[in-house]
């Protein structure tokens, strides 16, 4: 993040704290599309992503007084969005159970998106990313899609940098193996051994 951009954002949030709606609209304009896209990658539902992004910015407006300029404004906004997305995913996990057989069939068929312009790799990557546990998906998205540093991600997720580094590494490893399985299948010699190791993990 550029220093002059951070300075501009600090001025904007300071004005929001004073009730300046024009400054708030500017912040929404800067982050709306990025936040919708980020949440969508987490919840896999565009309408829900839009709803949660609106809730994110409502909280930015009404809780502006709680923001402290110890980290970039973007980190605070993404932290709000992350918490809302995680709450949504917890609600779903209590209400919906997806059979493992269905997941396995999807991986084998590559039927991950209805967009005819997607390549097979893009479909497989989107599916694999969507199935990552949130504790891995969040840092991987923030690092590899949004371009945040490990230190900034640690601030967003309120976790030690070492934990973030480990989760990014683990998340990338799971993605790599999922993509390899979608191409080669689990019968490939190198991946068969990997499956045995994964199945043996607690």
N, C-alpha and C. Protein backbone atom coordinates (compact mmCIF):
# COMPACT_ATOMS: atom_id res chain seq x y z
N UNK A 1 0.84 -1.19 0.00
CA UNK A 1 0.00 0.00 0.00
C UNK A 1 0.88 1.26 0.00
N UNK A 2 0.53 2.22 -0.86
CA UNK A 2 1.32 3.42 -0.94
C UNK A 2 1.05 4.31 0.25
N UNK A 3 2.12 4.99 0.73
CA UNK A 3 1.98 5.83 1.91
C UNK A 3 0.97 6.94 1.68
N UNK A 4 1.02 7.57 0.46
CA UNK A 4 0.08 8.67 0.23
C UNK A 4 -1.36 8.18 0.20
N UNK A 5 -1.59 6.91 -0.27
CA UNK A 5 -2.94 6.36 -0.25
C UNK A 5 -3.39 6.15 1.18
N UNK A 6 -2.47 5.62 2.04
CA UNK A 6 -2.80 5.42 3.44
C UNK A 6 -3.15 6.74 4.11
N UNK A 7 -2.40 7.81 3.78
CA UNK A 7 -2.67 9.12 4.35
C UNK A 7 -4.06 9.60 3.93
N UNK A 8 -4.40 9.42 2.66
CA UNK A 8 -5.71 9.82 2.18
C UNK A 8 -6.81 9.05 2.91
N UNK A 9 -6.61 7.76 3.11
CA UNK A 9 -7.61 6.94 3.78
C UNK A 9 -7.74 7.32 5.25
N UNK A 10 -6.63 7.67 5.88
CA UNK A 10 -6.69 8.10 7.27
C UNK A 10 -7.53 9.39 7.40
N UNK A 11 -7.36 10.26 6.43
CA UNK A 11 -8.15 11.50 6.43
C UNK A 11 -9.64 11.17 6.21
N UNK A 12 -9.90 10.23 5.33
CA UNK A 12 -11.29 9.86 5.04
C UNK A 12 -11.97 9.27 6.27
N UNK A 13 -11.30 8.31 6.93
CA UNK A 13 -11.94 7.67 8.08
C UNK A 13 -12.09 8.66 9.23
N UNK A 14 -11.17 9.63 9.33
CA UNK A 14 -11.30 10.66 10.36
C UNK A 14 -12.55 11.49 10.11
N UNK A 15 -12.83 11.76 8.84
CA UNK A 15 -14.04 12.51 8.49
C UNK A 15 -15.29 11.68 8.73
N UNK A 16 -15.20 10.37 8.46
CA UNK A 16 -16.34 9.49 8.71
C UNK A 16 -16.69 9.51 10.20
N UNK A 17 -15.67 9.52 11.05
CA UNK A 17 -15.89 9.58 12.50
C UNK A 17 -16.69 10.82 12.88
N UNK A 18 -16.58 11.86 12.06
CA UNK A 18 -17.31 13.11 12.33
C UNK A 18 -18.67 13.13 11.62
N UNK A 19 -19.01 12.01 10.95
CA UNK A 19 -20.31 11.92 10.30
C UNK A 19 -20.33 12.38 8.86
N UNK A 20 -19.16 12.50 8.24
CA UNK A 20 -19.07 12.96 6.85
C UNK A 20 -19.48 11.83 5.91
N UNK A 21 -20.68 11.93 5.33
CA UNK A 21 -21.19 10.86 4.46
C UNK A 21 -20.46 10.82 3.11
N UNK A 22 -19.95 11.96 2.65
CA UNK A 22 -19.21 11.98 1.39
C UNK A 22 -17.91 11.18 1.54
N UNK A 23 -17.27 11.31 2.69
CA UNK A 23 -16.04 10.56 2.94
C UNK A 23 -16.34 9.07 3.01
N UNK A 24 -17.47 8.75 3.64
CA UNK A 24 -17.87 7.34 3.72
C UNK A 24 -18.13 6.77 2.32
N UNK A 25 -18.80 7.53 1.48
CA UNK A 25 -19.09 7.09 0.11
C UNK A 25 -17.79 6.86 -0.65
N UNK A 26 -16.79 7.67 -0.38
CA UNK A 26 -15.49 7.51 -1.05
C UNK A 26 -14.84 6.18 -0.62
N UNK A 27 -14.92 5.86 0.66
CA UNK A 27 -14.36 4.60 1.15
C UNK A 27 -15.09 3.41 0.53
N UNK A 28 -16.42 3.51 0.46
CA UNK A 28 -17.20 2.44 -0.16
C UNK A 28 -16.78 2.27 -1.61
N UNK A 29 -16.61 3.38 -2.32
CA UNK A 29 -16.19 3.32 -3.72
C UNK A 29 -14.83 2.67 -3.90
N UNK A 30 -13.94 2.90 -2.95
CA UNK A 30 -12.59 2.34 -3.04
C UNK A 30 -12.58 0.83 -2.81
N UNK A 31 -13.47 0.35 -1.94
CA UNK A 31 -13.37 -1.04 -1.48
C UNK A 31 -14.54 -1.95 -1.84
N UNK A 32 -15.64 -1.40 -2.32
CA UNK A 32 -16.85 -2.21 -2.51
C UNK A 32 -16.60 -3.44 -3.38
N UNK A 33 -16.07 -3.25 -4.58
CA UNK A 33 -15.88 -4.38 -5.49
C UNK A 33 -14.91 -5.41 -4.92
N UNK A 34 -13.85 -4.96 -4.29
CA UNK A 34 -12.86 -5.87 -3.72
C UNK A 34 -13.46 -6.69 -2.58
N UNK A 35 -14.28 -6.04 -1.75
CA UNK A 35 -14.88 -6.75 -0.62
C UNK A 35 -15.92 -7.74 -1.09
N UNK A 36 -16.74 -7.36 -2.07
CA UNK A 36 -17.72 -8.30 -2.61
C UNK A 36 -17.01 -9.52 -3.19
N UNK A 37 -15.96 -9.29 -3.96
CA UNK A 37 -15.21 -10.39 -4.57
C UNK A 37 -14.57 -11.28 -3.51
N UNK A 38 -14.01 -10.66 -2.50
CA UNK A 38 -13.36 -11.41 -1.41
C UNK A 38 -14.37 -12.29 -0.68
N UNK A 39 -15.50 -11.71 -0.30
CA UNK A 39 -16.52 -12.47 0.42
C UNK A 39 -17.10 -13.57 -0.46
N UNK A 40 -17.27 -13.27 -1.75
CA UNK A 40 -17.82 -14.28 -2.65
C UNK A 40 -16.93 -15.51 -2.70
N UNK A 41 -15.62 -15.32 -2.72
CA UNK A 41 -14.70 -16.45 -2.73
C UNK A 41 -14.83 -17.28 -1.46
N UNK A 42 -15.33 -16.67 -0.40
CA UNK A 42 -15.48 -17.39 0.87
C UNK A 42 -16.82 -18.10 0.98
N UNK A 43 -17.90 -17.39 0.63
CA UNK A 43 -19.24 -17.95 0.87
C UNK A 43 -19.85 -18.60 -0.37
N UNK A 44 -19.27 -18.35 -1.56
CA UNK A 44 -19.71 -19.01 -2.79
C UNK A 44 -21.15 -18.69 -3.17
N UNK A 45 -21.61 -17.53 -2.80
CA UNK A 45 -22.99 -17.10 -3.09
C UNK A 45 -22.94 -15.60 -3.33
N UNK A 46 -23.19 -15.18 -4.59
CA UNK A 46 -23.00 -13.77 -4.93
C UNK A 46 -23.96 -12.85 -4.17
N UNK A 47 -25.24 -13.23 -4.10
CA UNK A 47 -26.22 -12.39 -3.40
C UNK A 47 -25.84 -12.24 -1.93
N UNK A 48 -25.40 -13.34 -1.33
CA UNK A 48 -24.99 -13.28 0.08
C UNK A 48 -23.74 -12.43 0.22
N UNK A 49 -22.84 -12.51 -0.76
CA UNK A 49 -21.61 -11.71 -0.72
C UNK A 49 -21.96 -10.22 -0.77
N UNK A 50 -22.93 -9.86 -1.60
CA UNK A 50 -23.36 -8.46 -1.68
C UNK A 50 -23.97 -8.03 -0.36
N UNK A 51 -24.83 -8.87 0.23
CA UNK A 51 -25.46 -8.55 1.51
C UNK A 51 -24.40 -8.35 2.60
N UNK A 52 -23.43 -9.27 2.65
CA UNK A 52 -22.40 -9.18 3.69
C UNK A 52 -21.47 -8.00 3.47
N UNK A 53 -21.26 -7.63 2.21
CA UNK A 53 -20.43 -6.46 1.95
C UNK A 53 -21.15 -5.19 2.42
N UNK A 54 -22.47 -5.15 2.22
CA UNK A 54 -23.24 -4.01 2.70
C UNK A 54 -23.18 -3.93 4.23
N UNK A 55 -23.28 -5.10 4.88
CA UNK A 55 -23.17 -5.14 6.34
C UNK A 55 -21.77 -4.70 6.77
N UNK A 56 -20.77 -5.07 5.99
CA UNK A 56 -19.40 -4.67 6.30
C UNK A 56 -19.29 -3.14 6.35
N UNK A 57 -19.83 -2.48 5.34
CA UNK A 57 -19.68 -1.03 5.28
C UNK A 57 -20.60 -0.31 6.27
N UNK A 58 -21.71 -0.93 6.62
CA UNK A 58 -22.52 -0.37 7.70
C UNK A 58 -21.73 -0.35 9.00
N UNK A 59 -21.00 -1.43 9.23
CA UNK A 59 -20.19 -1.49 10.45
C UNK A 59 -19.02 -0.51 10.38
N UNK A 60 -18.46 -0.34 9.19
CA UNK A 60 -17.39 0.65 9.03
C UNK A 60 -17.92 2.04 9.42
N UNK A 61 -19.13 2.35 8.99
CA UNK A 61 -19.70 3.67 9.26
C UNK A 61 -20.02 3.86 10.75
N UNK A 62 -20.74 2.88 11.30
CA UNK A 62 -21.22 3.05 12.68
C UNK A 62 -20.16 2.74 13.73
N UNK A 63 -19.10 2.02 13.33
CA UNK A 63 -18.04 1.69 14.28
C UNK A 63 -16.73 2.40 13.94
N UNK A 64 -16.83 3.44 13.13
CA UNK A 64 -15.62 4.16 12.72
C UNK A 64 -14.82 4.65 13.92
N UNK A 65 -15.53 4.99 14.97
CA UNK A 65 -14.85 5.48 16.17
C UNK A 65 -13.96 4.45 16.83
N UNK A 66 -14.18 3.17 16.51
CA UNK A 66 -13.37 2.10 17.11
C UNK A 66 -12.07 1.85 16.34
N UNK A 67 -11.99 2.41 15.12
CA UNK A 67 -10.78 2.19 14.32
C UNK A 67 -9.61 2.96 14.91
N UNK A 68 -8.47 2.28 15.04
CA UNK A 68 -7.24 2.90 15.50
C UNK A 68 -6.20 2.75 14.40
N UNK A 69 -5.54 3.85 14.03
CA UNK A 69 -4.61 3.84 12.89
C UNK A 69 -3.30 3.12 13.17
N UNK A 70 -3.36 1.95 13.80
CA UNK A 70 -2.15 1.16 14.03
C UNK A 70 -1.84 0.29 12.82
N UNK A 71 -2.85 0.05 12.01
CA UNK A 71 -2.71 -0.74 10.78
C UNK A 71 -3.48 -0.02 9.69
N UNK A 72 -3.21 -0.34 8.41
CA UNK A 72 -3.95 0.31 7.32
C UNK A 72 -5.46 0.13 7.48
N UNK A 73 -6.21 1.11 7.03
CA UNK A 73 -7.67 1.04 7.08
C UNK A 73 -8.17 -0.22 6.39
N UNK A 74 -7.52 -0.61 5.29
CA UNK A 74 -7.95 -1.79 4.55
C UNK A 74 -7.93 -3.04 5.41
N UNK A 75 -6.94 -3.16 6.30
CA UNK A 75 -6.86 -4.32 7.18
C UNK A 75 -8.08 -4.39 8.09
N UNK A 76 -8.50 -3.24 8.59
CA UNK A 76 -9.67 -3.19 9.47
C UNK A 76 -10.93 -3.57 8.71
N UNK A 77 -11.08 -3.06 7.49
CA UNK A 77 -12.26 -3.37 6.68
C UNK A 77 -12.30 -4.86 6.34
N UNK A 78 -11.16 -5.41 5.94
CA UNK A 78 -11.11 -6.84 5.62
C UNK A 78 -11.36 -7.70 6.85
N UNK A 79 -10.93 -7.24 8.01
CA UNK A 79 -11.18 -7.99 9.24
C UNK A 79 -12.68 -8.07 9.52
N UNK A 80 -13.39 -6.97 9.31
CA UNK A 80 -14.84 -6.96 9.49
C UNK A 80 -15.49 -7.93 8.50
N UNK A 81 -15.08 -7.85 7.23
CA UNK A 81 -15.64 -8.74 6.21
C UNK A 81 -15.34 -10.20 6.52
N UNK A 82 -14.13 -10.47 6.98
CA UNK A 82 -13.74 -11.85 7.31
C UNK A 82 -14.60 -12.41 8.42
N UNK A 83 -14.83 -11.61 9.46
CA UNK A 83 -15.64 -12.07 10.59
C UNK A 83 -17.08 -12.35 10.17
N UNK A 84 -17.64 -11.49 9.33
CA UNK A 84 -19.00 -11.71 8.85
C UNK A 84 -19.09 -12.98 7.99
N UNK A 85 -18.08 -13.19 7.14
CA UNK A 85 -18.07 -14.38 6.30
C UNK A 85 -17.92 -15.64 7.14
N UNK A 86 -17.06 -15.60 8.15
CA UNK A 86 -16.87 -16.77 9.01
C UNK A 86 -18.15 -17.10 9.78
N UNK A 87 -18.87 -16.07 10.22
CA UNK A 87 -20.14 -16.29 10.90
C UNK A 87 -21.14 -16.96 9.97
N UNK A 88 -21.19 -16.50 8.73
CA UNK A 88 -22.08 -17.10 7.73
C UNK A 88 -21.72 -18.56 7.48
N UNK A 89 -20.44 -18.86 7.37
CA UNK A 89 -20.01 -20.24 7.12
C UNK A 89 -20.34 -21.14 8.31
N UNK A 90 -20.24 -20.60 9.52
CA UNK A 90 -20.60 -21.40 10.70
C UNK A 90 -22.09 -21.72 10.70
N UNK A 91 -22.91 -20.76 10.30
CA UNK A 91 -24.35 -21.00 10.22
C UNK A 91 -24.63 -22.12 9.22
N UNK A 92 -23.95 -22.08 8.09
CA UNK A 92 -24.17 -23.10 7.06
C UNK A 92 -23.71 -24.47 7.53
N UNK A 93 -22.60 -24.52 8.24
CA UNK A 93 -22.06 -25.81 8.67
C UNK A 93 -23.01 -26.51 9.63
N UNK A 94 -23.82 -25.72 10.36
CA UNK A 94 -24.80 -26.31 11.27
C UNK A 94 -26.06 -26.75 10.54
N UNK A 95 -26.29 -26.15 9.34
CA UNK A 95 -27.55 -26.40 8.65
C UNK A 95 -27.42 -27.35 7.47
N UNK A 96 -26.23 -27.41 6.85
CA UNK A 96 -26.08 -28.17 5.61
C UNK A 96 -24.91 -29.13 5.71
N UNK A 97 -25.14 -30.36 5.28
CA UNK A 97 -24.07 -31.35 5.21
C UNK A 97 -23.96 -31.82 3.77
N UNK A 98 -22.77 -31.69 3.17
CA UNK A 98 -22.55 -32.12 1.79
C UNK A 98 -21.90 -33.50 1.82
N UNK A 99 -22.55 -34.52 1.21
CA UNK A 99 -21.98 -35.86 1.22
C UNK A 99 -20.60 -35.88 0.58
N UNK A 100 -19.67 -36.65 1.17
CA UNK A 100 -18.34 -36.77 0.61
C UNK A 100 -18.39 -37.34 -0.79
N UNK A 101 -19.37 -38.22 -1.06
CA UNK A 101 -19.48 -38.82 -2.39
C UNK A 101 -19.73 -37.74 -3.44
N UNK A 102 -20.51 -36.73 -3.07
CA UNK A 102 -20.81 -35.65 -4.02
C UNK A 102 -19.57 -34.84 -4.33
N UNK A 103 -18.75 -34.57 -3.29
CA UNK A 103 -17.51 -33.83 -3.48
C UNK A 103 -16.58 -34.62 -4.39
N UNK A 104 -16.47 -35.93 -4.14
CA UNK A 104 -15.59 -36.77 -4.94
C UNK A 104 -16.03 -36.79 -6.40
N UNK A 105 -17.34 -36.87 -6.64
CA UNK A 105 -17.85 -36.88 -8.00
C UNK A 105 -17.55 -35.56 -8.71
N UNK A 106 -17.68 -34.45 -7.96
CA UNK A 106 -17.38 -33.14 -8.55
C UNK A 106 -15.91 -33.04 -8.95
N UNK A 107 -15.04 -33.53 -8.08
CA UNK A 107 -13.62 -33.47 -8.37
C UNK A 107 -13.28 -34.27 -9.62
N UNK A 108 -13.91 -35.44 -9.77
CA UNK A 108 -13.61 -36.30 -10.91
C UNK A 108 -14.18 -35.73 -12.19
N UNK A 109 -15.36 -35.12 -12.12
CA UNK A 109 -16.01 -34.63 -13.34
C UNK A 109 -15.52 -33.25 -13.74
N UNK A 110 -14.99 -32.49 -12.77
CA UNK A 110 -14.55 -31.13 -13.06
C UNK A 110 -15.70 -30.16 -13.23
N UNK A 111 -16.90 -30.53 -12.75
CA UNK A 111 -18.08 -29.67 -12.92
C UNK A 111 -18.16 -28.66 -11.79
N UNK A 112 -17.34 -27.62 -11.90
CA UNK A 112 -17.21 -26.68 -10.80
C UNK A 112 -17.83 -25.32 -11.09
N UNK A 113 -18.16 -25.06 -12.35
CA UNK A 113 -18.70 -23.75 -12.70
C UNK A 113 -19.54 -23.87 -13.95
N UNK A 114 -20.57 -23.04 -14.02
CA UNK A 114 -21.42 -23.05 -15.21
C UNK A 114 -20.95 -22.03 -16.23
N UNK A 115 -19.87 -21.32 -15.94
CA UNK A 115 -19.36 -20.32 -16.86
C UNK A 115 -18.64 -21.00 -18.01
N UNK A 116 -19.17 -20.91 -19.25
CA UNK A 116 -18.55 -21.62 -20.38
C UNK A 116 -17.20 -21.07 -20.76
N UNK A 117 -16.86 -19.86 -20.27
CA UNK A 117 -15.58 -19.26 -20.63
C UNK A 117 -14.46 -19.71 -19.69
N UNK A 118 -14.80 -20.36 -18.60
CA UNK A 118 -13.78 -20.85 -17.68
C UNK A 118 -13.02 -22.02 -18.30
N UNK A 119 -11.72 -22.03 -18.10
CA UNK A 119 -10.94 -23.20 -18.49
C UNK A 119 -11.10 -24.27 -17.43
N UNK A 120 -10.73 -25.50 -17.75
CA UNK A 120 -10.83 -26.57 -16.77
C UNK A 120 -10.01 -26.26 -15.53
N UNK A 121 -8.81 -25.68 -15.71
CA UNK A 121 -7.96 -25.35 -14.58
C UNK A 121 -8.62 -24.32 -13.68
N UNK A 122 -9.25 -23.30 -14.29
CA UNK A 122 -9.91 -22.26 -13.49
C UNK A 122 -11.06 -22.86 -12.68
N UNK A 123 -11.82 -23.75 -13.30
CA UNK A 123 -12.93 -24.40 -12.59
C UNK A 123 -12.40 -25.21 -11.42
N UNK A 124 -11.36 -26.00 -11.68
CA UNK A 124 -10.81 -26.85 -10.63
C UNK A 124 -10.24 -26.01 -9.49
N UNK A 125 -9.57 -24.92 -9.84
CA UNK A 125 -8.98 -24.06 -8.83
C UNK A 125 -10.07 -23.41 -7.98
N UNK A 126 -11.14 -22.93 -8.64
CA UNK A 126 -12.24 -22.31 -7.90
C UNK A 126 -12.89 -23.30 -6.95
N UNK A 127 -13.08 -24.51 -7.42
CA UNK A 127 -13.69 -25.53 -6.58
C UNK A 127 -12.80 -25.89 -5.39
N UNK A 128 -11.52 -26.11 -5.70
CA UNK A 128 -10.58 -26.48 -4.63
C UNK A 128 -10.48 -25.38 -3.59
N UNK A 129 -10.45 -24.13 -4.05
CA UNK A 129 -10.38 -23.00 -3.13
C UNK A 129 -11.63 -22.91 -2.27
N UNK A 130 -12.79 -23.18 -2.90
CA UNK A 130 -14.05 -23.12 -2.16
C UNK A 130 -14.17 -24.18 -1.10
N UNK A 131 -13.43 -25.28 -1.26
CA UNK A 131 -13.52 -26.38 -0.30
C UNK A 131 -12.41 -26.35 0.76
N UNK A 132 -11.53 -25.37 0.65
CA UNK A 132 -10.52 -25.23 1.71
C UNK A 132 -11.21 -24.85 3.02
N UNK A 133 -10.81 -25.41 4.15
CA UNK A 133 -11.34 -24.95 5.44
C UNK A 133 -11.08 -23.45 5.59
N UNK A 134 -12.00 -22.70 6.19
CA UNK A 134 -11.84 -21.25 6.30
C UNK A 134 -10.51 -20.81 6.89
N UNK A 135 -9.96 -21.57 7.83
CA UNK A 135 -8.71 -21.13 8.46
C UNK A 135 -7.55 -21.14 7.48
N UNK A 136 -7.67 -21.91 6.40
CA UNK A 136 -6.67 -21.88 5.33
C UNK A 136 -7.10 -20.96 4.19
N UNK A 137 -8.41 -20.97 3.88
CA UNK A 137 -8.90 -20.20 2.73
C UNK A 137 -8.71 -18.70 2.93
N UNK A 138 -9.01 -18.21 4.14
CA UNK A 138 -8.88 -16.78 4.40
C UNK A 138 -7.47 -16.26 4.14
N UNK A 139 -6.44 -16.84 4.76
CA UNK A 139 -5.09 -16.31 4.51
C UNK A 139 -4.61 -16.51 3.08
N UNK A 140 -4.99 -17.62 2.43
CA UNK A 140 -4.58 -17.85 1.04
C UNK A 140 -5.20 -16.79 0.13
N UNK A 141 -6.48 -16.50 0.32
CA UNK A 141 -7.14 -15.46 -0.48
C UNK A 141 -6.50 -14.10 -0.26
N UNK A 142 -6.26 -13.76 1.00
CA UNK A 142 -5.68 -12.46 1.31
C UNK A 142 -4.27 -12.32 0.74
N UNK A 143 -3.52 -13.41 0.74
CA UNK A 143 -2.14 -13.37 0.24
C UNK A 143 -2.08 -13.46 -1.27
N UNK A 144 -2.71 -14.46 -1.85
CA UNK A 144 -2.53 -14.76 -3.27
C UNK A 144 -3.52 -14.06 -4.20
N UNK A 145 -4.67 -13.63 -3.66
CA UNK A 145 -5.65 -12.93 -4.48
C UNK A 145 -5.61 -11.43 -4.20
N UNK A 146 -5.62 -11.06 -2.92
CA UNK A 146 -5.66 -9.64 -2.55
C UNK A 146 -4.29 -9.01 -2.43
N UNK A 147 -3.24 -9.82 -2.30
CA UNK A 147 -1.88 -9.29 -2.30
C UNK A 147 -1.39 -8.70 -0.99
N UNK A 148 -2.00 -9.09 0.13
CA UNK A 148 -1.56 -8.58 1.42
C UNK A 148 -0.31 -9.32 1.90
N UNK A 149 0.49 -8.64 2.71
CA UNK A 149 1.67 -9.27 3.30
C UNK A 149 1.23 -10.17 4.45
N UNK A 150 2.12 -11.06 4.88
CA UNK A 150 1.80 -11.94 6.00
C UNK A 150 1.54 -11.13 7.27
N UNK A 151 2.27 -10.04 7.44
CA UNK A 151 2.07 -9.19 8.62
C UNK A 151 0.69 -8.54 8.60
N UNK A 152 0.26 -8.08 7.42
CA UNK A 152 -1.07 -7.46 7.32
C UNK A 152 -2.17 -8.49 7.53
N UNK A 153 -1.96 -9.71 7.01
CA UNK A 153 -2.95 -10.77 7.21
C UNK A 153 -3.05 -11.13 8.69
N UNK A 154 -1.92 -11.15 9.36
CA UNK A 154 -1.92 -11.42 10.80
C UNK A 154 -2.74 -10.38 11.55
N UNK A 155 -2.64 -9.12 11.11
CA UNK A 155 -3.43 -8.05 11.74
C UNK A 155 -4.91 -8.23 11.45
N UNK A 156 -5.24 -8.61 10.22
CA UNK A 156 -6.64 -8.81 9.84
C UNK A 156 -7.28 -9.95 10.62
N UNK A 157 -6.53 -11.07 10.72
CA UNK A 157 -7.08 -12.27 11.34
C UNK A 157 -6.79 -12.37 12.84
N UNK A 158 -6.00 -11.41 13.33
CA UNK A 158 -5.64 -11.39 14.75
C UNK A 158 -4.97 -12.71 15.17
N UNK A 159 -3.99 -13.12 14.36
CA UNK A 159 -3.22 -14.33 14.63
C UNK A 159 -1.73 -14.00 14.52
N UNK A 160 -0.86 -14.79 15.18
CA UNK A 160 0.58 -14.57 15.04
C UNK A 160 1.03 -14.75 13.60
N UNK A 161 2.08 -14.03 13.20
CA UNK A 161 2.58 -14.12 11.83
C UNK A 161 3.00 -15.56 11.52
N UNK A 162 3.59 -16.26 12.49
CA UNK A 162 4.01 -17.64 12.28
C UNK A 162 2.84 -18.55 11.94
N UNK A 163 1.71 -18.31 12.61
CA UNK A 163 0.50 -19.10 12.33
C UNK A 163 0.00 -18.83 10.92
N UNK A 164 0.00 -17.56 10.52
CA UNK A 164 -0.44 -17.19 9.17
C UNK A 164 0.46 -17.82 8.12
N UNK A 165 1.76 -17.76 8.34
CA UNK A 165 2.71 -18.35 7.40
C UNK A 165 2.45 -19.84 7.23
N UNK A 166 2.22 -20.54 8.35
CA UNK A 166 1.97 -21.98 8.30
C UNK A 166 0.66 -22.29 7.59
N UNK A 167 -0.37 -21.49 7.83
CA UNK A 167 -1.67 -21.75 7.20
C UNK A 167 -1.64 -21.48 5.70
N UNK A 168 -0.90 -20.45 5.29
CA UNK A 168 -0.75 -20.19 3.86
C UNK A 168 -0.04 -21.36 3.19
N UNK A 169 1.03 -21.82 3.82
CA UNK A 169 1.79 -22.95 3.27
C UNK A 169 0.93 -24.19 3.17
N UNK A 170 0.18 -24.48 4.24
CA UNK A 170 -0.68 -25.66 4.26
C UNK A 170 -1.82 -25.53 3.25
N UNK A 171 -2.42 -24.34 3.18
CA UNK A 171 -3.51 -24.11 2.24
C UNK A 171 -3.05 -24.28 0.80
N UNK A 172 -1.89 -23.76 0.48
CA UNK A 172 -1.35 -23.91 -0.87
C UNK A 172 -1.07 -25.37 -1.19
N UNK A 173 -0.58 -26.10 -0.20
CA UNK A 173 -0.29 -27.52 -0.39
C UNK A 173 -1.58 -28.30 -0.69
N UNK A 174 -2.64 -28.00 0.05
CA UNK A 174 -3.92 -28.68 -0.17
C UNK A 174 -4.45 -28.34 -1.57
N UNK A 175 -4.35 -27.07 -1.97
CA UNK A 175 -4.80 -26.67 -3.30
C UNK A 175 -4.01 -27.41 -4.38
N UNK A 176 -2.71 -27.47 -4.21
CA UNK A 176 -1.85 -28.14 -5.20
C UNK A 176 -2.25 -29.60 -5.36
N UNK A 177 -2.46 -30.28 -4.24
CA UNK A 177 -2.83 -31.69 -4.30
C UNK A 177 -4.22 -31.88 -4.90
N UNK A 178 -5.14 -30.98 -4.57
CA UNK A 178 -6.49 -31.09 -5.13
C UNK A 178 -6.46 -30.92 -6.65
N UNK A 179 -5.65 -29.97 -7.13
CA UNK A 179 -5.53 -29.76 -8.57
C UNK A 179 -4.87 -30.95 -9.25
N UNK A 180 -3.87 -31.52 -8.59
CA UNK A 180 -3.19 -32.68 -9.17
C UNK A 180 -4.14 -33.87 -9.25
N UNK A 181 -4.96 -34.05 -8.23
CA UNK A 181 -5.91 -35.16 -8.24
C UNK A 181 -6.95 -34.97 -9.34
N UNK A 182 -7.36 -33.70 -9.57
CA UNK A 182 -8.37 -33.45 -10.60
C UNK A 182 -7.82 -33.76 -11.98
N UNK A 183 -6.50 -33.65 -12.15
CA UNK A 183 -5.88 -33.92 -13.44
C UNK A 183 -5.50 -35.39 -13.58
N UNK A 184 -4.85 -35.93 -12.53
CA UNK A 184 -4.29 -37.28 -12.62
C UNK A 184 -5.19 -38.34 -11.99
N UNK A 185 -6.07 -37.93 -11.09
CA UNK A 185 -6.86 -38.92 -10.35
C UNK A 185 -6.06 -39.45 -9.18
N UNK A 186 -6.75 -40.04 -8.22
CA UNK A 186 -6.07 -40.52 -7.02
C UNK A 186 -5.33 -41.83 -7.25
N UNK A 187 -5.44 -42.40 -8.46
CA UNK A 187 -4.73 -43.64 -8.74
C UNK A 187 -3.30 -43.43 -9.20
N UNK A 188 -2.94 -42.14 -9.45
CA UNK A 188 -1.56 -41.85 -9.84
C UNK A 188 -0.64 -42.25 -8.69
N UNK A 189 0.47 -42.97 -8.95
CA UNK A 189 1.34 -43.49 -7.89
C UNK A 189 1.76 -42.46 -6.86
N UNK A 190 2.20 -41.30 -7.34
CA UNK A 190 2.68 -40.28 -6.39
C UNK A 190 1.55 -39.77 -5.51
N UNK A 191 0.33 -39.66 -6.09
CA UNK A 191 -0.79 -39.11 -5.33
C UNK A 191 -1.44 -40.16 -4.45
N UNK A 192 -1.34 -41.42 -4.82
CA UNK A 192 -1.90 -42.48 -3.99
C UNK A 192 -1.23 -42.47 -2.62
N UNK A 193 0.09 -42.29 -2.65
CA UNK A 193 0.82 -42.23 -1.38
C UNK A 193 0.39 -41.01 -0.58
N UNK A 194 0.19 -39.88 -1.28
CA UNK A 194 -0.25 -38.66 -0.62
C UNK A 194 -1.61 -38.85 0.03
N UNK A 195 -2.53 -39.56 -0.66
CA UNK A 195 -3.86 -39.80 -0.12
C UNK A 195 -3.75 -40.61 1.18
N UNK A 196 -2.85 -41.59 1.20
CA UNK A 196 -2.67 -42.40 2.40
C UNK A 196 -2.22 -41.55 3.56
N UNK A 197 -1.30 -40.63 3.28
CA UNK A 197 -0.81 -39.74 4.33
C UNK A 197 -1.94 -38.84 4.83
N UNK A 198 -2.72 -38.25 3.89
CA UNK A 198 -3.81 -37.36 4.27
C UNK A 198 -4.84 -38.11 5.12
N UNK A 199 -5.16 -39.34 4.69
CA UNK A 199 -6.16 -40.14 5.43
C UNK A 199 -5.68 -40.50 6.82
N UNK A 200 -4.37 -40.53 6.99
CA UNK A 200 -3.84 -40.90 8.30
C UNK A 200 -3.73 -39.74 9.26
N UNK A 201 -3.98 -38.50 8.75
CA UNK A 201 -3.89 -37.32 9.62
C UNK A 201 -5.11 -37.21 10.52
N UNK A 202 -4.90 -36.68 11.69
CA UNK A 202 -6.02 -36.48 12.64
C UNK A 202 -6.59 -35.09 12.42
